[in-house]
Structure formats: structure tokens, C-alpha cells
PDB file of all heavy atoms in Angstrom:
ATOM      1  N   ALA A   1     -75.370 -19.497   9.566  1.00  0.00           N
ATOM      2  CA  ALA A   1     -74.929 -19.434  10.960  1.00  0.00           C
ATOM      3  C   ALA A   1     -75.461 -18.185  11.635  1.00  0.00           C
ATOM      4  O   ALA A   1     -75.878 -18.214  12.783  1.00  0.00           O
ATOM      5  CB  ALA A   1     -73.401 -19.470  11.029  1.00  0.00           C
ATOM      6  N   GLU A   2     -75.501 -17.064  10.911  1.00  0.00           N
ATOM      7  CA  GLU A   2     -75.992 -15.827  11.506  1.00  0.00           C
ATOM      8  C   GLU A   2     -77.484 -15.901  11.779  1.00  0.00           C
ATOM      9  O   GLU A   2     -77.969 -15.424  12.786  1.00  0.00           O
ATOM     10  CB  GLU A   2     -75.700 -14.665  10.555  1.00  0.00           C
ATOM     11  CG  GLU A   2     -76.177 -13.330  11.089  1.00  0.00           C
ATOM     12  CD  GLU A   2     -75.897 -12.217  10.124  1.00  0.00           C
ATOM     13  OE1 GLU A   2     -75.261 -12.502   9.087  1.00  0.00           O
ATOM     14  OE2 GLU A   2     -76.299 -11.082  10.392  1.00  0.00           O
ATOM     15  N   GLY A   3     -78.237 -16.558  10.866  1.00  0.00           N
ATOM     16  CA  GLY A   3     -79.686 -16.594  11.005  1.00  0.00           C
ATOM     17  C   GLY A   3     -80.159 -17.541  12.078  1.00  0.00           C
ATOM     18  O   GLY A   3     -81.207 -17.320  12.670  1.00  0.00           O
ATOM     19  N   TYR A   4     -79.407 -18.632  12.366  1.00  0.00           N
ATOM     20  CA  TYR A   4     -79.914 -19.627  13.307  1.00  0.00           C
ATOM     21  C   TYR A   4     -79.011 -19.865  14.505  1.00  0.00           C
ATOM     22  O   TYR A   4     -79.462 -19.847  15.638  1.00  0.00           O
ATOM     23  CB  TYR A   4     -80.163 -20.945  12.593  1.00  0.00           C
ATOM     24  CG  TYR A   4     -81.397 -20.870  11.767  1.00  0.00           C
ATOM     25  CD1 TYR A   4     -81.320 -20.543  10.432  1.00  0.00           C
ATOM     26  CD2 TYR A   4     -82.639 -21.075  12.346  1.00  0.00           C
ATOM     27  CE1 TYR A   4     -82.465 -20.435   9.687  1.00  0.00           C
ATOM     28  CE2 TYR A   4     -83.787 -20.974  11.605  1.00  0.00           C
ATOM     29  CZ  TYR A   4     -83.695 -20.652  10.273  1.00  0.00           C
ATOM     30  OH  TYR A   4     -84.821 -20.541   9.531  1.00  0.00           O
ATOM     31  N   ALA A   5     -77.728 -20.100  14.229  1.00  0.00           N
ATOM     32  CA  ALA A   5     -76.855 -20.399  15.361  1.00  0.00           C
ATOM     33  C   ALA A   5     -76.813 -19.225  16.334  1.00  0.00           C
ATOM     34  O   ALA A   5     -76.880 -19.400  17.543  1.00  0.00           O
ATOM     35  CB  ALA A   5     -75.448 -20.745  14.873  1.00  0.00           C
ATOM     36  N   GLY A   6     -76.750 -18.004  15.782  1.00  0.00           N
ATOM     37  CA  GLY A   6     -76.708 -16.850  16.665  1.00  0.00           C
ATOM     38  C   GLY A   6     -78.024 -16.594  17.353  1.00  0.00           C
ATOM     39  O   GLY A   6     -78.068 -16.137  18.480  1.00  0.00           O
ATOM     40  N   GLY A   7     -79.150 -16.906  16.660  1.00  0.00           N
ATOM     41  CA  GLY A   7     -80.446 -16.585  17.224  1.00  0.00           C
ATOM     42  C   GLY A   7     -80.950 -17.618  18.191  1.00  0.00           C
ATOM     43  O   GLY A   7     -81.748 -17.313  19.078  1.00  0.00           O
ATOM     44  N   TYR A   8     -80.527 -18.878  18.072  1.00  0.00           N
ATOM     45  CA  TYR A   8     -81.127 -19.934  18.864  1.00  0.00           C
ATOM     46  C   TYR A   8     -80.158 -20.638  19.819  1.00  0.00           C
ATOM     47  O   TYR A   8     -80.581 -21.358  20.699  1.00  0.00           O
ATOM     48  CB  TYR A   8     -81.734 -20.987  17.946  1.00  0.00           C
ATOM     49  CG  TYR A   8     -82.913 -20.459  17.192  1.00  0.00           C
ATOM     50  CD1 TYR A   8     -82.940 -20.508  15.807  1.00  0.00           C
ATOM     51  CD2 TYR A   8     -83.989 -19.898  17.858  1.00  0.00           C
ATOM     52  CE1 TYR A   8     -84.030 -20.011  15.127  1.00  0.00           C
ATOM     53  CE2 TYR A   8     -85.081 -19.425  17.172  1.00  0.00           C
ATOM     54  CZ  TYR A   8     -85.099 -19.473  15.809  1.00  0.00           C
ATOM     55  OH  TYR A   8     -86.166 -18.999  15.125  1.00  0.00           O
ATOM     56  N   ALA A   9     -78.872 -20.469  19.590  1.00  0.00           N
ATOM     57  CA  ALA A   9     -77.938 -21.216  20.422  1.00  0.00           C
ATOM     58  C   ALA A   9     -78.079 -20.852  21.892  1.00  0.00           C
ATOM     59  O   ALA A   9     -77.823 -21.673  22.770  1.00  0.00           O
ATOM     60  CB  ALA A   9     -76.498 -20.960  19.962  1.00  0.00           C
ATOM     61  N   GLY A  10     -78.528 -19.635  22.168  1.00  0.00           N
ATOM     62  CA  GLY A  10     -78.661 -19.245  23.562  1.00  0.00           C
ATOM     63  C   GLY A  10     -79.720 -20.026  24.297  1.00  0.00           C
ATOM     64  O   GLY A  10     -79.675 -20.158  25.519  1.00  0.00           O
ATOM     65  N   GLY A  11     -80.708 -20.585  23.564  1.00  0.00           N
ATOM     66  CA  GLY A  11     -81.753 -21.337  24.236  1.00  0.00           C
ATOM     67  C   GLY A  11     -81.457 -22.807  24.338  1.00  0.00           C
ATOM     68  O   GLY A  11     -82.249 -23.564  24.896  1.00  0.00           O
ATOM     69  N   HIS A  12     -80.333 -23.276  23.814  1.00  0.00           N
ATOM     70  CA  HIS A  12     -80.023 -24.708  23.803  1.00  0.00           C
ATOM     71  C   HIS A  12     -79.334 -25.116  25.094  1.00  0.00           C
ATOM     72  O   HIS A  12     -78.408 -24.484  25.565  1.00  0.00           O
ATOM     73  CB  HIS A  12     -79.103 -25.007  22.613  1.00  0.00           C
ATOM     74  CG  HIS A  12     -78.597 -26.415  22.621  1.00  0.00           C
ATOM     75  ND1 HIS A  12     -79.437 -27.496  22.675  1.00  0.00           N
ATOM     76  CD2 HIS A  12     -77.336 -26.905  22.574  1.00  0.00           C
ATOM     77  CE1 HIS A  12     -78.712 -28.609  22.667  1.00  0.00           C
ATOM     78  NE2 HIS A  12     -77.435 -28.267  22.611  1.00  0.00           N
ATOM     79  N   THR A  13     -79.816 -26.189  25.676  1.00  0.00           N
ATOM     80  CA  THR A  13     -79.196 -26.683  26.908  1.00  0.00           C
ATOM     81  C   THR A  13     -78.581 -28.046  26.718  1.00  0.00           C
ATOM     82  O   THR A  13     -78.185 -28.701  27.672  1.00  0.00           O
ATOM     83  CB  THR A  13     -80.251 -26.772  28.020  1.00  0.00           C
ATOM     84  OG1 THR A  13     -81.314 -27.635  27.600  1.00  0.00           O
ATOM     85  CG2 THR A  13     -80.825 -25.410  28.344  1.00  0.00           C
ATOM     86  N   GLY A  14     -78.507 -28.501  25.463  1.00  0.00           N
ATOM     87  CA  GLY A  14     -77.872 -29.786  25.196  1.00  0.00           C
ATOM     88  C   GLY A  14     -78.886 -30.873  25.079  1.00  0.00           C
ATOM     89  O   GLY A  14     -80.030 -30.772  25.456  1.00  0.00           O
ATOM     90  N   GLY A  15     -78.404 -32.021  24.526  1.00  0.00           N
ATOM     91  CA  GLY A  15     -79.277 -33.187  24.427  1.00  0.00           C
ATOM     92  C   GLY A  15     -79.919 -33.284  23.074  1.00  0.00           C
ATOM     93  O   GLY A  15     -79.945 -32.355  22.280  1.00  0.00           O
ATOM     94  N   HIS A  16     -80.464 -34.440  22.802  1.00  0.00           N
ATOM     95  CA  HIS A  16     -81.162 -34.710  21.555  1.00  0.00           C
ATOM     96  C   HIS A  16     -82.468 -33.953  21.523  1.00  0.00           C
ATOM     97  O   HIS A  16     -83.078 -33.709  22.551  1.00  0.00           O
ATOM     98  CB  HIS A  16     -81.418 -36.225  21.428  1.00  0.00           C
ATOM     99  CG  HIS A  16     -81.894 -36.612  20.075  1.00  0.00           C
ATOM    100  ND1 HIS A  16     -83.220 -36.594  19.729  1.00  0.00           N
ATOM    101  CD2 HIS A  16     -81.229 -37.030  18.981  1.00  0.00           C
ATOM    102  CE1 HIS A  16     -83.373 -36.992  18.480  1.00  0.00           C
ATOM    103  NE2 HIS A  16     -82.172 -37.255  18.009  1.00  0.00           N
ATOM    104  N   PRO A  17     -82.982 -33.556  20.324  1.00  0.00           N
ATOM    105  CA  PRO A  17     -84.218 -32.813  20.268  1.00  0.00           C
ATOM    106  C   PRO A  17     -85.362 -33.530  20.931  1.00  0.00           C
ATOM    107  O   PRO A  17     -86.284 -32.907  21.425  1.00  0.00           O
ATOM    108  CB  PRO A  17     -84.453 -32.642  18.758  1.00  0.00           C
ATOM    109  CG  PRO A  17     -83.106 -32.739  18.161  1.00  0.00           C
ATOM    110  CD  PRO A  17     -82.322 -33.658  19.024  1.00  0.00           C
ATOM    111  N   GLY A  18     -85.365 -34.837  20.892  1.00  0.00           N
ATOM    112  CA  GLY A  18     -86.469 -35.558  21.495  1.00  0.00           C
ATOM    113  C   GLY A  18     -86.562 -35.340  22.974  1.00  0.00           C
ATOM    114  O   GLY A  18     -87.623 -35.497  23.574  1.00  0.00           O
ATOM    115  N   GLY A  19     -85.469 -34.964  23.615  1.00  0.00           N
ATOM    116  CA  GLY A  19     -85.509 -34.774  25.044  1.00  0.00           C
ATOM    117  C   GLY A  19     -85.501 -33.329  25.467  1.00  0.00           C
ATOM    118  O   GLY A  19     -85.354 -33.037  26.641  1.00  0.00           O
ATOM    119  N   SER A  20     -85.611 -32.405  24.548  1.00  0.00           N
ATOM    120  CA  SER A  20     -85.570 -31.000  24.906  1.00  0.00           C
ATOM    121  C   SER A  20     -86.865 -30.581  25.541  1.00  0.00           C
ATOM    122  O   SER A  20     -87.930 -30.973  25.153  1.00  0.00           O
ATOM    123  CB  SER A  20     -85.285 -30.149  23.665  1.00  0.00           C
ATOM    124  OG  SER A  20     -86.287 -30.346  22.718  1.00  0.00           O
ATOM    125  N   GLY A  21     -86.766 -29.733  26.519  1.00  0.00           N
ATOM    126  CA  GLY A  21     -87.953 -29.276  27.214  1.00  0.00           C
ATOM    127  C   GLY A  21     -88.540 -28.070  26.573  1.00  0.00           C
ATOM    128  O   GLY A  21     -87.966 -27.418  25.749  1.00  0.00           O
ATOM    129  N   GLY A  22     -89.760 -27.717  26.981  1.00  0.00           N
ATOM    130  CA  GLY A  22     -90.441 -26.559  26.433  1.00  0.00           C
ATOM    131  C   GLY A  22     -90.728 -25.511  27.473  1.00  0.00           C
ATOM    132  O   GLY A  22     -91.565 -24.665  27.266  1.00  0.00           O
ATOM    133  N   ALA A  23     -90.096 -25.550  28.609  1.00  0.00           N
ATOM    134  CA  ALA A  23     -90.386 -24.599  29.676  1.00  0.00           C
ATOM    135  C   ALA A  23     -89.521 -23.373  29.537  1.00  0.00           C
ATOM    136  O   ALA A  23     -88.396 -23.415  29.110  1.00  0.00           O
ATOM    137  CB  ALA A  23     -90.166 -25.263  31.032  1.00  0.00           C
ATOM    138  N   HIS A  24     -90.048 -22.269  29.939  1.00  0.00           N
ATOM    139  CA  HIS A  24     -89.273 -21.032  29.989  1.00  0.00           C
ATOM    140  C   HIS A  24     -89.223 -20.563  31.422  1.00  0.00           C
ATOM    141  O   HIS A  24     -89.634 -21.220  32.347  1.00  0.00           O
ATOM    142  CB  HIS A  24     -89.880 -19.970  29.074  1.00  0.00           C
ATOM    143  CG  HIS A  24     -91.237 -19.545  29.476  1.00  0.00           C
ATOM    144  ND1 HIS A  24     -91.491 -18.508  30.312  1.00  0.00           N
ATOM    145  CD2 HIS A  24     -92.445 -20.047  29.188  1.00  0.00           C
ATOM    146  CE1 HIS A  24     -92.779 -18.345  30.507  1.00  0.00           C
ATOM    147  NE2 HIS A  24     -93.383 -19.273  29.822  1.00  0.00           N
ATOM    148  N   GLY A  25     -88.690 -19.391  31.587  1.00  0.00           N
ATOM    149  CA  GLY A  25     -88.482 -18.926  32.946  1.00  0.00           C
ATOM    150  C   GLY A  25     -89.760 -18.755  33.735  1.00  0.00           C
ATOM    151  O   GLY A  25     -89.761 -18.814  34.959  1.00  0.00           O
ATOM    152  N   GLY A  26     -90.908 -18.543  33.036  1.00  0.00           N
ATOM    153  CA  GLY A  26     -92.144 -18.343  33.748  1.00  0.00           C
ATOM    154  C   GLY A  26     -92.769 -19.617  34.249  1.00  0.00           C
ATOM    155  O   GLY A  26     -93.690 -19.592  35.050  1.00  0.00           O
TER     156      GLY A  26
END
């Protein structure tokens, strides 16, 4: 949980992986 949930949960916006986007703020 420390290695992944803490490091990546902030970038998750919900939804199945197949529908996740690859855009960032730029």
C-alpha cells in the first residue's frame, strides 16, 4: 500500500483502466 496506493492514487480519476486518459496538465 505504501509503495503504490500512496504513490499513484493521486493520479487516479476513476474508471476502468481501459478508459483512463494519458493527458497531464500540460
